[in-house]
């Protein structure tokens, strides 16, 4: 299924970019790369032949035991943001952000790690997990390798730090 899905994405992206229907992906797998293809960048970002790679998507949800307002809670969230910064600098945390809180969904991480066990180990270092403020739900995710550039680009866009 993964190959079928990624071929559909590749064909859809090619169609959208060119405004015309793309050739079936299997017919062009061995063809010359498209104009603008950067083999070195693809390798650096861990891209497969479709420009995609595997990640782990982590949904952070409210637990039944929130940390009460006050100094401990403030320190926990300072640690949460510092931990995200550390994971981003290590190349592990590719994307993170808050969610709207509906149904207890508080935030998400996209991690560039080798599987769910590695993701669990990375998330276990976060103070919101350690203190029981949030619980994590893990899913494998197959998406564009370009996500690996988000942290670098974000640094060029943000006028203020967290």
C-alpha atoms as a PDB file:
ATOM      1  CA  UNK A   1       0.000   0.000   0.000  1.00  0.00           C
ATOM      2  CA  UNK A   2       2.847   2.402   0.832  1.00  0.00           C
ATOM      3  CA  UNK A   3       4.243   2.141  -2.710  1.00  0.00           C
ATOM      4  CA  UNK A   4       0.796   2.631  -4.293  1.00  0.00           C
ATOM      5  CA  UNK A   5       0.095   5.646  -2.098  1.00  0.00           C
ATOM      6  CA  UNK A   6       3.462   7.256  -2.745  1.00  0.00           C
ATOM      7  CA  UNK A   7       3.123   6.694  -6.488  1.00  0.00           C
ATOM      8  CA  UNK A   8      -0.248   8.408  -6.361  1.00  0.00           C
ATOM      9  CA  UNK A   9       1.289  11.333  -4.494  1.00  0.00           C
ATOM     10  CA  UNK A  10       4.203  11.549  -6.924  1.00  0.00           C
ATOM     11  CA  UNK A  11       1.860  11.454  -9.911  1.00  0.00           C
ATOM     12  CA  UNK A  12      -0.462  13.999  -8.314  1.00  0.00           C
ATOM     13  CA  UNK A  13       2.413  16.349  -7.533  1.00  0.00           C
ATOM     14  CA  UNK A  14       3.771  16.064 -11.061  1.00  0.00           C
ATOM     15  CA  UNK A  15       0.308  16.652 -12.496  1.00  0.00           C
ATOM     16  CA  UNK A  16      -0.324  19.666 -10.297  1.00  0.00           C
ATOM     17  CA  UNK A  17       3.070  21.165 -11.094  1.00  0.00           C
ATOM     18  CA  UNK A  18       2.776  20.719 -14.842  1.00  0.00           C
ATOM     19  CA  UNK A  19      -0.959  21.170 -15.248  1.00  0.00           C
ATOM     20  CA  UNK A  20      -1.102  17.899 -17.201  1.00  0.00           C
ATOM     21  CA  UNK A  21      -1.481  14.239 -16.315  1.00  0.00           C
ATOM     22  CA  UNK A  22       1.814  12.586 -15.463  1.00  0.00           C
ATOM     23  CA  UNK A  23       3.034   9.299 -16.842  1.00  0.00           C
ATOM     24  CA  UNK A  24       2.409   6.287 -14.660  1.00  0.00           C
ATOM     25  CA  UNK A  25       5.202   6.342 -12.046  1.00  0.00           C
ATOM     26  CA  UNK A  26       6.405   2.822 -12.864  1.00  0.00           C
ATOM     27  CA  UNK A  27       7.092   3.891 -16.453  1.00  0.00           C
ATOM     28  CA  UNK A  28       9.412   6.684 -15.322  1.00  0.00           C
ATOM     29  CA  UNK A  29      11.239   5.119 -12.356  1.00  0.00           C
ATOM     30  CA  UNK A  30      14.361   4.455 -14.437  1.00  0.00           C
ATOM     31  CA  UNK A  31      14.048   7.629 -16.524  1.00  0.00           C
ATOM     32  CA  UNK A  32      16.338  10.621 -16.089  1.00  0.00           C
ATOM     33  CA  UNK A  33      15.490  12.755 -13.055  1.00  0.00           C
ATOM     34  CA  UNK A  34      13.296  15.792 -13.671  1.00  0.00           C
ATOM     35  CA  UNK A  35      14.846  19.245 -14.142  1.00  0.00           C
ATOM     36  CA  UNK A  36      15.832  20.761 -10.825  1.00  0.00           C
ATOM     37  CA  UNK A  37      16.310  17.394  -9.102  1.00  0.00           C
ATOM     38  CA  UNK A  38      19.079  17.691  -6.487  1.00  0.00           C
ATOM     39  CA  UNK A  39      20.516  14.241  -5.759  1.00  0.00           C
ATOM     40  CA  UNK A  40      22.793  15.534  -2.998  1.00  0.00           C
ATOM     41  CA  UNK A  41      19.897  17.255  -1.221  1.00  0.00           C
ATOM     42  CA  UNK A  42      17.694  14.181  -1.620  1.00  0.00           C
ATOM     43  CA  UNK A  43      20.387  12.045  -0.019  1.00  0.00           C
ATOM     44  CA  UNK A  44      21.025  14.567   2.775  1.00  0.00           C
ATOM     45  CA  UNK A  45      17.311  14.670   3.654  1.00  0.00           C
ATOM     46  CA  UNK A  46      16.876  10.889   3.437  1.00  0.00           C
ATOM     47  CA  UNK A  47      14.484  11.060   0.498  1.00  0.00           C
ATOM     48  CA  UNK A  48      13.443   7.940  -1.354  1.00  0.00           C
ATOM     49  CA  UNK A  49      12.905   7.905  -5.129  1.00  0.00           C
ATOM     50  CA  UNK A  50       9.603   9.764  -4.675  1.00  0.00           C
ATOM     51  CA  UNK A  51      11.098  12.508  -2.491  1.00  0.00           C
ATOM     52  CA  UNK A  52       9.426  10.998   0.590  1.00  0.00           C
ATOM     53  CA  UNK A  53      10.650   9.450   3.831  1.00  0.00           C
ATOM     54  CA  UNK A  54       9.321   7.825   6.985  1.00  0.00           C
ATOM     55  CA  UNK A  55       8.651   9.738  10.184  1.00  0.00           C
ATOM     56  CA  UNK A  56       6.778   9.168  13.432  1.00  0.00           C
ATOM     57  CA  UNK A  57       3.834  11.465  14.140  1.00  0.00           C
ATOM     58  CA  UNK A  58       3.239  12.045  17.838  1.00  0.00           C
ATOM     59  CA  UNK A  59      -0.047  13.467  19.078  1.00  0.00           C
ATOM     60  CA  UNK A  60       0.216  15.009  22.547  1.00  0.00           C
ATOM     61  CA  UNK A  61      -3.032  14.761  24.487  1.00  0.00           C
ATOM     62  CA  UNK A  62      -4.192  16.029  27.851  1.00  0.00           C
ATOM     63  CA  UNK A  63      -3.896  13.543  30.654  1.00  0.00           C
ATOM     64  CA  UNK A  64      -6.377  13.183  33.473  1.00  0.00           C
ATOM     65  CA  UNK A  65      -3.838  14.656  35.881  1.00  0.00           C
ATOM     66  CA  UNK A  66      -2.828  18.185  34.844  1.00  0.00           C
ATOM     67  CA  UNK A  67      -0.070  19.925  36.764  1.00  0.00           C
ATOM     68  CA  UNK A  68      -1.633  22.749  38.847  1.00  0.00           C
ATOM     69  CA  UNK A  69      -0.941  26.400  37.993  1.00  0.00           C
ATOM     70  CA  UNK A  70       2.177  27.763  39.611  1.00  0.00           C
ATOM     71  CA  UNK A  71       5.933  27.517  39.587  1.00  0.00           C
ATOM     72  CA  UNK A  72       6.116  23.775  38.913  1.00  0.00           C
ATOM     73  CA  UNK A  73       3.844  24.113  35.879  1.00  0.00           C
ATOM     74  CA  UNK A  74       5.784  27.114  34.561  1.00  0.00           C
ATOM     75  CA  UNK A  75       9.087  25.242  34.937  1.00  0.00           C
ATOM     76  CA  UNK A  76       7.583  22.190  33.226  1.00  0.00           C
ATOM     77  CA  UNK A  77       6.606  24.214  30.155  1.00  0.00           C
ATOM     78  CA  UNK A  78       9.984  25.996  30.045  1.00  0.00           C
ATOM     79  CA  UNK A  79      11.539  22.540  30.044  1.00  0.00           C
ATOM     80  CA  UNK A  80       9.101  21.387  27.351  1.00  0.00           C
ATOM     81  CA  UNK A  81      10.194  24.190  25.011  1.00  0.00           C
ATOM     82  CA  UNK A  82      13.886  23.654  25.832  1.00  0.00           C
ATOM     83  CA  UNK A  83      13.502  19.940  25.124  1.00  0.00           C
ATOM     84  CA  UNK A  84      11.860  20.643  21.764  1.00  0.00           C
ATOM     85  CA  UNK A  85      14.743  22.995  20.905  1.00  0.00           C
ATOM     86  CA  UNK A  86      17.273  20.309  21.842  1.00  0.00           C
ATOM     87  CA  UNK A  87      15.507  17.665  19.741  1.00  0.00           C
ATOM     88  CA  UNK A  88      15.228  20.072  16.797  1.00  0.00           C
ATOM     89  CA  UNK A  89      18.922  20.953  16.966  1.00  0.00           C
ATOM     90  CA  UNK A  90      19.729  17.226  16.974  1.00  0.00           C
ATOM     91  CA  UNK A  91      17.674  16.764  13.796  1.00  0.00           C
ATOM     92  CA  UNK A  92      15.174  14.516  15.577  1.00  0.00           C
ATOM     93  CA  UNK A  93      12.251  16.926  15.894  1.00  0.00           C
ATOM     94  CA  UNK A  94      11.263  18.012  12.405  1.00  0.00           C
ATOM     95  CA  UNK A  95       8.005  19.794  13.126  1.00  0.00           C
ATOM     96  CA  UNK A  96       6.076  20.705  16.264  1.00  0.00           C
ATOM     97  CA  UNK A  97       3.176  22.862  17.207  1.00  0.00           C
ATOM     98  CA  UNK A  98       0.138  23.292  19.376  1.00  0.00           C
ATOM     99  CA  UNK A  99      -3.307  22.035  18.417  1.00  0.00           C
ATOM    100  CA  UNK A 100      -6.667  23.554  19.293  1.00  0.00           C
ATOM    101  CA  UNK A 101      -7.285  21.395  22.360  1.00  0.00           C
ATOM    102  CA  UNK A 102     -10.456  19.841  20.949  1.00  0.00           C
ATOM    103  CA  UNK A 103     -10.942  16.369  22.438  1.00  0.00           C
ATOM    104  CA  UNK A 104      -7.826  16.942  24.546  1.00  0.00           C
ATOM    105  CA  UNK A 105      -5.486  17.133  21.540  1.00  0.00           C
ATOM    106  CA  UNK A 106      -2.784  19.596  22.672  1.00  0.00           C
ATOM    107  CA  UNK A 107       0.092  19.348  20.202  1.00  0.00           C
ATOM    108  CA  UNK A 108       2.027  17.357  17.688  1.00  0.00           C
ATOM    109  CA  UNK A 109       5.573  16.341  16.915  1.00  0.00           C
ATOM    110  CA  UNK A 110       6.904  14.917  13.679  1.00  0.00           C
ATOM    111  CA  UNK A 111      10.081  12.986  14.469  1.00  0.00           C
ATOM    112  CA  UNK A 112      12.737  11.770  12.026  1.00  0.00           C
ATOM    113  CA  UNK A 113      13.560   8.547  13.854  1.00  0.00           C
ATOM    114  CA  UNK A 114      13.768   4.866  13.039  1.00  0.00           C
ATOM    115  CA  UNK A 115      10.405   3.732  14.324  1.00  0.00           C
ATOM    116  CA  UNK A 116       7.995   4.140  17.174  1.00  0.00           C
ATOM    117  CA  UNK A 117      10.320   2.806  19.889  1.00  0.00           C
ATOM    118  CA  UNK A 118      12.902   5.477  19.032  1.00  0.00           C
ATOM    119  CA  UNK A 119      10.127   8.090  19.067  1.00  0.00           C
ATOM    120  CA  UNK A 120       8.996   6.908  22.504  1.00  0.00           C
ATOM    121  CA  UNK A 121      12.556   7.258  23.795  1.00  0.00           C
ATOM    122  CA  UNK A 122      12.803  10.831  22.457  1.00  0.00           C
ATOM    123  CA  UNK A 123       9.390  11.885  23.786  1.00  0.00           C
ATOM    124  CA  UNK A 124      10.122  10.326  27.203  1.00  0.00           C
ATOM    125  CA  UNK A 125      12.645  13.161  27.755  1.00  0.00           C
ATOM    126  CA  UNK A 126       9.912  15.832  27.628  1.00  0.00           C
ATOM    127  CA  UNK A 127       8.843  17.350  30.955  1.00  0.00           C
ATOM    128  CA  UNK A 128       5.139  17.413  29.976  1.00  0.00           C
ATOM    129  CA  UNK A 129       5.327  13.626  29.629  1.00  0.00           C
ATOM    130  CA  UNK A 130       7.552  13.119  32.675  1.00  0.00           C
ATOM    131  CA  UNK A 131       5.234  15.210  34.896  1.00  0.00           C
ATOM    132  CA  UNK A 132       2.082  13.550  33.523  1.00  0.00           C
ATOM    133  CA  UNK A 133       0.573  16.726  32.018  1.00  0.00           C
ATOM    134  CA  UNK A 134       0.246  15.019  28.637  1.00  0.00           C
ATOM    135  CA  UNK A 135       0.273  11.565  27.144  1.00  0.00           C
ATOM    136  CA  UNK A 136       1.596  10.683  23.711  1.00  0.00           C
ATOM    137  CA  UNK A 137       0.036   8.710  20.884  1.00  0.00           C
ATOM    138  CA  UNK A 138       2.346   7.409  18.138  1.00  0.00           C
ATOM    139  CA  UNK A 139       1.750   6.801  14.432  1.00  0.00           C
ATOM    140  CA  UNK A 140       4.042   6.048  11.528  1.00  0.00           C
ATOM    141  CA  UNK A 141       3.885   8.744   8.866  1.00  0.00           C
ATOM    142  CA  UNK A 142       5.194   8.795   5.293  1.00  0.00           C
ATOM    143  CA  UNK A 143       5.650  12.325   3.997  1.00  0.00           C
ATOM    144  CA  UNK A 144       7.823  14.671   2.008  1.00  0.00           C
ATOM    145  CA  UNK A 145      11.510  14.652   2.905  1.00  0.00           C
ATOM    146  CA  UNK A 146      11.326  18.435   2.485  1.00  0.00           C
ATOM    147  CA  UNK A 147       9.945  18.553   6.052  1.00  0.00           C
ATOM    148  CA  UNK A 148      13.542  18.070   7.141  1.00  0.00           C
ATOM    149  CA  UNK A 149      14.209  21.699   6.128  1.00  0.00           C
ATOM    150  CA  UNK A 150      11.466  23.262   8.276  1.00  0.00           C
ATOM    151  CA  UNK A 151      13.657  24.083  11.288  1.00  0.00           C
ATOM    152  CA  UNK A 152      16.346  25.731   9.172  1.00  0.00           C
ATOM    153  CA  UNK A 153      13.790  27.789   7.262  1.00  0.00           C
ATOM    154  CA  UNK A 154      11.845  28.683  10.397  1.00  0.00           C
ATOM    155  CA  UNK A 155      14.992  30.180  11.890  1.00  0.00           C
ATOM    156  CA  UNK A 156      15.111  32.557   8.931  1.00  0.00           C
ATOM    157  CA  UNK A 157      11.481  33.641   9.452  1.00  0.00           C
ATOM    158  CA  UNK A 158      11.097  34.062  13.215  1.00  0.00           C
ATOM    159  CA  UNK A 159      11.823  37.552  14.542  1.00  0.00           C
ATOM    160  CA  UNK A 160      11.299  36.411  18.152  1.00  0.00           C
ATOM    161  CA  UNK A 161      12.253  33.237  19.988  1.00  0.00           C
ATOM    162  CA  UNK A 162      10.002  31.195  22.191  1.00  0.00           C
END
